[in-house]
N, C-alpha and C. Protein backbone atom coordinates (compact mmCIF):
# COMPACT_ATOMS: atom_id res chain seq x y z
N MET A 1 14.06 117.45 114.60
CA MET A 1 14.51 117.69 115.97
C MET A 1 15.99 117.35 116.07
N ARG A 2 16.74 118.20 116.76
CA ARG A 2 18.17 117.97 116.94
C ARG A 2 18.41 116.86 117.95
N GLN A 3 19.43 116.09 117.69
CA GLN A 3 19.80 114.98 118.55
C GLN A 3 20.48 115.50 119.82
N VAL A 4 20.14 114.91 120.97
CA VAL A 4 20.79 115.25 122.23
C VAL A 4 21.99 114.32 122.40
N LEU A 5 23.18 114.92 122.47
CA LEU A 5 24.42 114.14 122.50
C LEU A 5 24.97 114.00 123.91
N ALA A 6 24.10 113.64 124.84
CA ALA A 6 24.53 113.44 126.23
C ALA A 6 23.55 112.50 126.91
N GLU A 7 24.06 111.75 127.89
CA GLU A 7 23.19 110.84 128.64
C GLU A 7 22.31 111.59 129.62
N PHE A 8 22.76 112.76 130.07
CA PHE A 8 22.02 113.56 131.03
C PHE A 8 21.54 114.84 130.36
N SER A 9 20.32 115.26 130.71
CA SER A 9 19.81 116.53 130.20
C SER A 9 19.08 117.26 131.31
N VAL A 10 19.01 118.58 131.16
CA VAL A 10 18.40 119.42 132.17
C VAL A 10 17.85 120.67 131.49
N SER A 11 16.77 121.21 132.01
CA SER A 11 16.25 122.46 131.48
C SER A 11 17.07 123.62 132.04
N ILE A 12 17.00 124.75 131.38
CA ILE A 12 17.74 125.92 131.85
C ILE A 12 17.28 126.31 133.26
N SER A 13 15.98 126.23 133.52
CA SER A 13 15.48 126.60 134.85
C SER A 13 15.98 125.64 135.92
N GLU A 14 16.08 124.35 135.61
CA GLU A 14 16.63 123.38 136.56
C GLU A 14 18.12 123.65 136.81
N LEU A 15 18.82 124.02 135.76
CA LEU A 15 20.25 124.31 135.88
C LEU A 15 20.49 125.49 136.82
N LYS A 16 19.65 126.49 136.75
CA LYS A 16 19.79 127.67 137.59
C LYS A 16 19.65 127.34 139.08
N LYS A 17 18.83 126.34 139.39
CA LYS A 17 18.55 126.02 140.79
C LYS A 17 19.78 125.51 141.54
N ASN A 18 20.50 124.55 140.95
CA ASN A 18 21.64 123.97 141.66
C ASN A 18 22.60 123.31 140.67
N PRO A 19 23.42 124.10 140.00
CA PRO A 19 24.33 123.53 139.00
C PRO A 19 25.36 122.56 139.59
N SER A 20 25.83 122.81 140.80
CA SER A 20 26.82 121.92 141.42
C SER A 20 26.26 120.53 141.64
N ALA A 21 25.01 120.45 142.08
CA ALA A 21 24.38 119.14 142.31
C ALA A 21 24.23 118.38 140.99
N LEU A 22 23.91 119.09 139.93
CA LEU A 22 23.76 118.44 138.62
C LEU A 22 25.09 117.86 138.15
N LEU A 23 26.16 118.62 138.33
CA LEU A 23 27.49 118.13 137.95
C LEU A 23 27.84 116.88 138.74
N SER A 24 27.51 116.87 140.02
CA SER A 24 27.79 115.69 140.86
C SER A 24 26.99 114.49 140.39
N GLN A 25 25.72 114.70 140.07
CA GLN A 25 24.86 113.60 139.62
C GLN A 25 25.34 113.02 138.30
N ALA A 26 25.89 113.87 137.44
CA ALA A 26 26.33 113.40 136.13
C ALA A 26 27.65 112.65 136.19
N SER A 27 28.36 112.74 137.31
CA SER A 27 29.62 112.02 137.52
C SER A 27 30.63 112.21 136.40
N GLY A 28 30.80 113.45 135.97
CA GLY A 28 31.80 113.74 134.95
C GLY A 28 31.32 113.64 133.52
N SER A 29 30.10 113.19 133.32
CA SER A 29 29.56 113.09 131.96
C SER A 29 29.00 114.45 131.53
N PRO A 30 28.94 114.70 130.23
CA PRO A 30 28.36 115.96 129.76
C PRO A 30 26.86 116.02 130.08
N ILE A 31 26.37 117.23 130.23
CA ILE A 31 24.95 117.46 130.50
C ILE A 31 24.41 118.35 129.38
N ALA A 32 23.36 117.91 128.73
CA ALA A 32 22.71 118.73 127.71
C ALA A 32 21.78 119.71 128.41
N VAL A 33 21.94 120.99 128.10
CA VAL A 33 21.07 122.02 128.66
C VAL A 33 20.03 122.32 127.58
N LEU A 34 18.78 122.06 127.93
CA LEU A 34 17.69 122.17 126.96
C LEU A 34 16.91 123.47 127.13
N ASN A 35 16.52 124.04 126.00
CA ASN A 35 15.64 125.19 125.97
C ASN A 35 14.50 124.82 125.03
N HIS A 36 13.29 124.72 125.57
CA HIS A 36 12.13 124.26 124.80
C HIS A 36 12.40 122.88 124.20
N ASN A 37 12.99 122.01 125.02
CA ASN A 37 13.30 120.62 124.65
C ASN A 37 14.28 120.46 123.50
N LYS A 38 15.06 121.49 123.24
CA LYS A 38 16.12 121.42 122.22
C LYS A 38 17.44 121.77 122.88
N PRO A 39 18.52 121.09 122.51
CA PRO A 39 19.82 121.42 123.12
C PRO A 39 20.22 122.86 122.83
N ALA A 40 20.48 123.60 123.90
CA ALA A 40 20.94 124.99 123.77
C ALA A 40 22.43 125.07 124.08
N ALA A 41 22.90 124.15 124.92
CA ALA A 41 24.31 124.13 125.31
C ALA A 41 24.62 122.78 125.93
N TYR A 42 25.91 122.54 126.10
CA TYR A 42 26.37 121.35 126.81
C TYR A 42 27.27 121.79 127.94
N LEU A 43 27.04 121.23 129.10
CA LEU A 43 27.85 121.52 130.27
C LEU A 43 28.78 120.34 130.49
N VAL A 44 30.07 120.62 130.44
CA VAL A 44 31.06 119.55 130.62
C VAL A 44 32.00 119.94 131.76
N PRO A 45 32.49 118.95 132.50
CA PRO A 45 33.45 119.25 133.56
C PRO A 45 34.73 119.86 132.97
N ALA A 46 35.42 120.65 133.77
CA ALA A 46 36.63 121.32 133.31
C ALA A 46 37.65 120.33 132.76
N GLU A 47 37.81 119.19 133.43
CA GLU A 47 38.79 118.19 132.98
C GLU A 47 38.45 117.68 131.58
N THR A 48 37.16 117.46 131.33
CA THR A 48 36.72 116.98 130.03
C THR A 48 36.98 118.03 128.95
N TYR A 49 36.67 119.28 129.26
CA TYR A 49 36.90 120.38 128.32
C TYR A 49 38.38 120.50 127.99
N GLU A 50 39.21 120.44 129.02
CA GLU A 50 40.66 120.54 128.81
C GLU A 50 41.17 119.40 127.94
N ALA A 51 40.65 118.20 128.17
CA ALA A 51 41.06 117.04 127.35
C ALA A 51 40.62 117.23 125.90
N LEU A 52 39.42 117.77 125.69
CA LEU A 52 38.94 118.03 124.34
C LEU A 52 39.82 119.06 123.63
N MET A 53 40.20 120.10 124.34
CA MET A 53 41.06 121.13 123.75
C MET A 53 42.42 120.56 123.38
N GLU A 54 42.94 119.66 124.21
CA GLU A 54 44.21 118.99 123.90
C GLU A 54 44.09 118.13 122.66
N MET A 55 42.97 117.40 122.55
CA MET A 55 42.75 116.55 121.38
C MET A 55 42.66 117.39 120.11
N ILE A 56 41.99 118.52 120.19
CA ILE A 56 41.87 119.41 119.03
C ILE A 56 43.24 119.94 118.64
N GLU A 57 44.02 120.35 119.64
CA GLU A 57 45.37 120.85 119.36
C GLU A 57 46.23 119.77 118.72
N ASP A 58 46.16 118.55 119.24
CA ASP A 58 46.91 117.44 118.66
C ASP A 58 46.50 117.20 117.22
N TYR A 59 45.19 117.25 116.96
CA TYR A 59 44.69 117.05 115.60
C TYR A 59 45.23 118.13 114.67
N GLU A 60 45.19 119.39 115.12
CA GLU A 60 45.69 120.49 114.29
C GLU A 60 47.19 120.34 114.02
N LEU A 61 47.95 119.92 115.03
CA LEU A 61 49.38 119.69 114.83
C LEU A 61 49.64 118.55 113.84
N THR A 62 48.82 117.51 113.93
CA THR A 62 48.93 116.39 112.99
C THR A 62 48.67 116.86 111.57
N GLN A 63 47.66 117.71 111.40
CA GLN A 63 47.37 118.25 110.08
C GLN A 63 48.55 119.06 109.55
N LEU A 64 49.17 119.85 110.42
CA LEU A 64 50.33 120.65 110.02
C LEU A 64 51.51 119.76 109.62
N VAL A 65 51.75 118.71 110.40
CA VAL A 65 52.83 117.77 110.08
C VAL A 65 52.58 117.13 108.73
N GLU A 66 51.36 116.70 108.48
CA GLU A 66 51.04 116.05 107.20
C GLU A 66 51.21 117.03 106.04
N GLU A 67 50.81 118.28 106.27
CA GLU A 67 50.97 119.29 105.23
C GLU A 67 52.44 119.52 104.91
N ARG A 68 53.24 119.62 105.95
CA ARG A 68 54.68 119.86 105.75
C ARG A 68 55.39 118.63 105.21
N ARG A 69 54.89 117.47 105.56
CA ARG A 69 55.49 116.24 105.03
C ARG A 69 55.33 116.21 103.51
N GLY A 70 54.25 116.77 103.02
CA GLY A 70 54.02 116.85 101.58
C GLY A 70 54.97 117.80 100.89
N GLU A 71 55.58 118.69 101.66
CA GLU A 71 56.53 119.67 101.10
C GLU A 71 57.98 119.24 101.32
N LYS A 72 58.19 117.98 101.64
CA LYS A 72 59.52 117.47 101.97
C LYS A 72 60.51 117.68 100.84
N ASP A 73 60.04 117.62 99.61
CA ASP A 73 60.95 117.78 98.48
C ASP A 73 61.49 119.21 98.37
N LYS A 74 60.90 120.16 99.07
CA LYS A 74 61.37 121.54 99.07
C LYS A 74 62.36 121.81 100.20
N ALA A 75 62.58 120.83 101.04
CA ALA A 75 63.45 121.00 102.20
C ALA A 75 64.91 121.16 101.78
N ILE A 76 65.66 121.90 102.59
CA ILE A 76 67.08 122.12 102.35
C ILE A 76 67.85 121.36 103.42
N ALA A 77 68.78 120.52 103.00
CA ALA A 77 69.56 119.73 103.94
C ALA A 77 70.61 120.62 104.62
N VAL A 78 70.70 120.54 105.94
CA VAL A 78 71.73 121.25 106.70
C VAL A 78 72.26 120.30 107.77
N SER A 79 73.48 120.54 108.19
CA SER A 79 74.04 119.75 109.28
C SER A 79 73.84 120.51 110.59
N LEU A 80 73.94 119.83 111.68
CA LEU A 80 73.80 120.48 112.99
C LEU A 80 74.89 121.52 113.21
N ASP A 81 76.06 121.28 112.65
CA ASP A 81 77.17 122.23 112.79
C ASP A 81 76.85 123.55 112.08
N GLU A 82 76.07 123.50 111.03
CA GLU A 82 75.72 124.71 110.30
C GLU A 82 74.71 125.56 111.06
N LEU A 83 74.02 124.97 111.99
CA LEU A 83 73.01 125.72 112.75
C LEU A 83 73.71 126.52 113.80
């Protein structure tokens, strides 16, 4: 059985009835949407989703910086005046 990664859970039929009330009850926490008692989706507030996307972007940028830092020996020195 798959692990439910949320403190709140709801069936798809319950979600259809009143999604706004469920979001209010969860107070900003993610809600696991269950189908036959297995997680089918997670409902997260917009602010939480946006924060997650920012964290992913930061992680990807960090990976790029680390990759380029490894190529430092290939860098060409230039002065600001040359730009």
